C-alpha atoms as a PDB file:
ATOM      1  CA  MET A   1     -42.430-119.557 -61.772  1.00  0.00           C
ATOM      2  CA  LYS A   2     -41.383-123.202 -61.512  1.00  0.00           C
ATOM      3  CA  ALA A   3     -40.615-123.289 -65.231  1.00  0.00           C
ATOM      4  CA  THR A   4     -38.391-120.213 -64.952  1.00  0.00           C
ATOM      5  CA  LEU A   5     -36.534-121.667 -61.974  1.00  0.00           C
ATOM      6  CA  PHE A   6     -36.066-124.959 -63.821  1.00  0.00           C
ATOM      7  CA  ALA A   7     -34.780-123.098 -66.910  1.00  0.00           C
ATOM      8  CA  VAL A   8     -32.266-121.121 -64.808  1.00  0.00           C
ATOM      9  CA  ILE A   9     -30.981-124.283 -63.103  1.00  0.00           C
ATOM     10  CA  LEU A  10     -30.703-126.053 -66.445  1.00  0.00           C
ATOM     11  CA  LEU A  11     -28.862-123.080 -67.937  1.00  0.00           C
ATOM     12  CA  LEU A  12     -26.387-122.999 -65.028  1.00  0.00           C
ATOM     13  CA  PHE A  13     -25.774-126.721 -65.438  1.00  0.00           C
ATOM     14  CA  VAL A  14     -25.076-126.384 -69.179  1.00  0.00           C
ATOM     15  CA  VAL A  15     -22.789-123.372 -68.692  1.00  0.00           C
ATOM     16  CA  SER A  16     -20.862-125.089 -65.905  1.00  0.00           C
ATOM     17  CA  PHE A  17     -20.489-128.297 -67.935  1.00  0.00           C
ATOM     18  CA  SER A  18     -19.141-126.427 -70.990  1.00  0.00           C
ATOM     19  CA  ALA A  19     -16.708-124.439 -68.846  1.00  0.00           C
ATOM     20  CA  GLN A  20     -15.291-127.673 -67.451  1.00  0.00           C
ATOM     21  CA  ALA A  21     -14.984-129.151 -70.937  1.00  0.00           C
ATOM     22  CA  ASP A  22     -13.172-126.037 -72.189  1.00  0.00           C
ATOM     23  CA  GLU A  23     -10.830-126.170 -69.184  1.00  0.00           C
ATOM     24  CA  LYS A  24      -9.892-129.778 -69.989  1.00  0.00           C
ATOM     25  CA  ASN A  25      -9.244-128.877 -73.634  1.00  0.00           C
ATOM     26  CA  VAL A  26      -6.981-126.010 -72.581  1.00  0.00           C
ATOM     27  CA  GLU A  27      -5.049-128.339 -70.265  1.00  0.00           C
ATOM     28  CA  GLN A  28      -4.600-130.862 -73.060  1.00  0.00           C
ATOM     29  CA  ARG A  29      -3.407-128.211 -75.515  1.00  0.00           C
ATOM     30  CA  ALA A  30      -1.096-126.594 -72.954  1.00  0.00           C
ATOM     31  CA  SER A  31       0.685-129.797 -71.985  1.00  0.00           C
ATOM     32  CA  PRO A  32       4.026-130.252 -73.731  1.00  0.00           C
ATOM     33  CA  PRO A  33       4.101-132.808 -76.526  1.00  0.00           C
ATOM     34  CA  ILE A  34       5.580-136.178 -75.800  1.00  0.00           C
ATOM     35  CA  ALA A  35       9.226-136.114 -76.762  1.00  0.00           C
ATOM     36  CA  GLN A  36       9.898-138.238 -79.793  1.00  0.00           C
ATOM     37  CA  THR A  37      13.200-139.975 -80.092  1.00  0.00           C
ATOM     38  CA  ILE A  38      14.430-139.641 -83.612  1.00  0.00           C
ATOM     39  CA  ASP A  39      17.112-142.081 -84.617  1.00  0.00           C
ATOM     40  CA  LYS A  40      19.744-140.466 -86.748  1.00  0.00           C
ATOM     41  CA  ILE A  41      20.915-142.123 -89.917  1.00  0.00           C
ATOM     42  CA  ASN A  42      24.458-143.420 -89.617  1.00  0.00           C
ATOM     43  CA  LEU A  43      26.332-142.253 -92.722  1.00  0.00           C
ATOM     44  CA  ASN A  44      28.820-145.092 -92.321  1.00  0.00           C
ATOM     45  CA  LYS A  45      26.201-147.848 -92.426  1.00  0.00           C
ATOM     46  CA  ALA A  46      23.219-146.522 -94.389  1.00  0.00           C
ATOM     47  CA  ASP A  47      22.444-147.978 -97.793  1.00  0.00           C
ATOM     48  CA  VAL A  48      21.224-146.091-100.855  1.00  0.00           C
ATOM     49  CA  SER A  49      17.535-146.678-100.122  1.00  0.00           C
ATOM     50  CA  THR A  50      17.896-145.355 -96.562  1.00  0.00           C
ATOM     51  CA  LEU A  51      19.733-142.247 -97.724  1.00  0.00           C
ATOM     52  CA  THR A  52      17.397-141.525-100.632  1.00  0.00           C
ATOM     53  CA  ASN A  53      14.967-138.755 -99.650  1.00  0.00           C
ATOM     54  CA  SER A  54      16.263-138.793 -96.061  1.00  0.00           C
ATOM     55  CA  PHE A  55      17.033-135.101 -96.420  1.00  0.00           C
ATOM     56  CA  LYS A  56      15.721-132.463 -98.794  1.00  0.00           C
ATOM     57  CA  GLY A  57      18.202-132.349-101.654  1.00  0.00           C
ATOM     58  CA  ILE A  58      19.442-135.916-101.262  1.00  0.00           C
ATOM     59  CA  GLY A  59      17.821-138.016-103.924  1.00  0.00           C
ATOM     60  CA  LYS A  60      18.909-141.311-105.406  1.00  0.00           C
ATOM     61  CA  LYS A  61      21.961-139.916-107.249  1.00  0.00           C
ATOM     62  CA  ARG A  62      23.361-138.148-104.198  1.00  0.00           C
ATOM     63  CA  ALA A  63      22.619-141.197-102.034  1.00  0.00           C
ATOM     64  CA  GLU A  64      24.541-143.378-104.479  1.00  0.00           C
ATOM     65  CA  ALA A  65      27.409-140.864-104.456  1.00  0.00           C
ATOM     66  CA  ILE A  66      27.539-140.960-100.635  1.00  0.00           C
ATOM     67  CA  VAL A  67      27.754-144.763-100.588  1.00  0.00           C
ATOM     68  CA  LYS A  68      30.329-144.773-103.382  1.00  0.00           C
ATOM     69  CA  TYR A  69      32.476-142.195-101.582  1.00  0.00           C
ATOM     70  CA  ARG A  70      32.317-144.243 -98.379  1.00  0.00           C
ATOM     71  CA  GLU A  71      33.343-147.419-100.226  1.00  0.00           C
ATOM     72  CA  GLU A  72      36.275-145.682-101.920  1.00  0.00           C
ATOM     73  CA  HIS A  73      37.520-143.500 -99.038  1.00  0.00           C
ATOM     74  CA  GLY A  74      36.436-145.308 -95.894  1.00  0.00           C
ATOM     75  CA  ASP A  75      34.113-144.180 -93.135  1.00  0.00           C
ATOM     76  CA  PHE A  76      33.052-140.591 -92.685  1.00  0.00           C
ATOM     77  CA  LYS A  77      34.794-138.904 -89.756  1.00  0.00           C
ATOM     78  CA  SER A  78      32.255-136.064 -89.511  1.00  0.00           C
ATOM     79  CA  ILE A  79      29.186-134.683 -91.246  1.00  0.00           C
ATOM     80  CA  ASP A  80      31.479-132.069 -92.813  1.00  0.00           C
ATOM     81  CA  ASP A  81      33.029-134.866 -94.894  1.00  0.00           C
ATOM     82  CA  LEU A  82      29.874-134.861 -97.022  1.00  0.00           C
ATOM     83  CA  ALA A  83      31.339-131.792 -98.739  1.00  0.00           C
ATOM     84  CA  GLN A  84      33.891-134.121-100.368  1.00  0.00           C
ATOM     85  CA  VAL A  85      31.183-136.273-101.947  1.00  0.00           C
ATOM     86  CA  ARG A  86      30.774-135.651-105.653  1.00  0.00           C
ATOM     87  CA  GLY A  87      27.506-133.830-106.243  1.00  0.00           C
ATOM     88  CA  MET A  88      27.166-132.561-102.668  1.00  0.00           C
ATOM     89  CA  GLY A  89      29.686-129.741-102.525  1.00  0.00           C
ATOM     90  CA  LYS A  90      30.863-127.413 -99.805  1.00  0.00           C
ATOM     91  CA  ALA A  91      28.149-124.827-100.436  1.00  0.00           C
ATOM     92  CA  PHE A  92      25.335-127.353 -99.907  1.00  0.00           C
ATOM     93  CA  VAL A  93      26.906-128.831 -96.778  1.00  0.00           C
ATOM     94  CA  ASN A  94      27.839-125.479 -95.257  1.00  0.00           C
ATOM     95  CA  SER A  95      24.406-123.977 -95.811  1.00  0.00           C
ATOM     96  CA  HIS A  96      22.599-127.032 -94.396  1.00  0.00           C
ATOM     97  CA  LEU A  97      25.097-128.223 -91.781  1.00  0.00           C
ATOM     98  CA  ALA A  98      22.846-127.764 -88.735  1.00  0.00           C
ATOM     99  CA  GLN A  99      19.968-129.621 -90.408  1.00  0.00           C
ATOM    100  CA  LEU A 100      22.280-132.364 -91.675  1.00  0.00           C
ATOM    101  CA  GLN A 101      23.565-132.881 -88.125  1.00  0.00           C
ATOM    102  CA  GLU A 102      19.983-133.353 -86.924  1.00  0.00           C
ATOM    103  CA  VAL A 103      19.365-136.119 -89.473  1.00  0.00           C
ATOM    104  CA  PHE A 104      22.728-137.852 -89.804  1.00  0.00           C
ATOM    105  CA  ALA A 105      25.277-139.293 -87.423  1.00  0.00           C
ATOM    106  CA  VAL A 106      28.804-140.574 -87.910  1.00  0.00           C
ATOM    107  CA  GLU A 107      29.559-143.553 -85.691  1.00  0.00           C
END
């Protein structure tokens, strides 16, 4: 009888301990992630290495074209100005404008 009582108490302890552990895990998973501040890349100051692979579709050649355009025509006034860069095109910029605005800034 004592062994059965001990086994029941031990079982209740184990069940209660695992329920508390699961509750803590749920709280940790349910809490919102810590907001990460993402610095945008300034199109008017970024060099070729910063621009390269900064956005899907912008490799070394497009990065060089962005810097060259900026040197020849002055600072970008808006993200839309990327459409004027040789090799970028209006179609690319228009179809990715929202994503480009998340990555790049014009200051």
